[in-house]
Amino acid sequence: MKEGVRDGLLAVVSFCAVMLAVQSSTLIDVVDIPRDNVLYTILSTVAINGVLLYGYQRDWLVAKLVLSLLFGIHMLSSFALVAISMSMNATGNAFVLMTGLLCMAMTLGWYRSAFSVEG
């Protein structure tokens, strides 16, 4: 298994943790994801990124480019949630803050391993 695939799996799992953290905090009033759709959102995120990571393992250029776009969206979403949770003083937002920072770090780790020049 490539290092980029492992880093990608960690980035996907940490983004799912952010979505679960938002559901368990008071940010759910701000971010309007219905509680009924959380499981479907997490499963579809894992499935789509899993297929793309399989393509990345097989050295498909399209999979790498689509993953870079999706992980960019994940990182921007996590950054926005971290900014919102820092501005609100409510219950459960510390967990959103920590998982959001973890998600951004894991996503940057994927970018590092995916676009590093092997010498």
Foldseek 3Di string as FASTA:
>chain_A
DAPLLVLLVQLLVLLLQLLVLCVVWPCCVVVPDDPVCSVVVSVVSCVVLVVLSVVVVVVDPVSLVVSLVVLVVSLVVLVVLLVVLVVDDTPSSVSSNVSSVSSNVSSVVSVCRSPPDDD
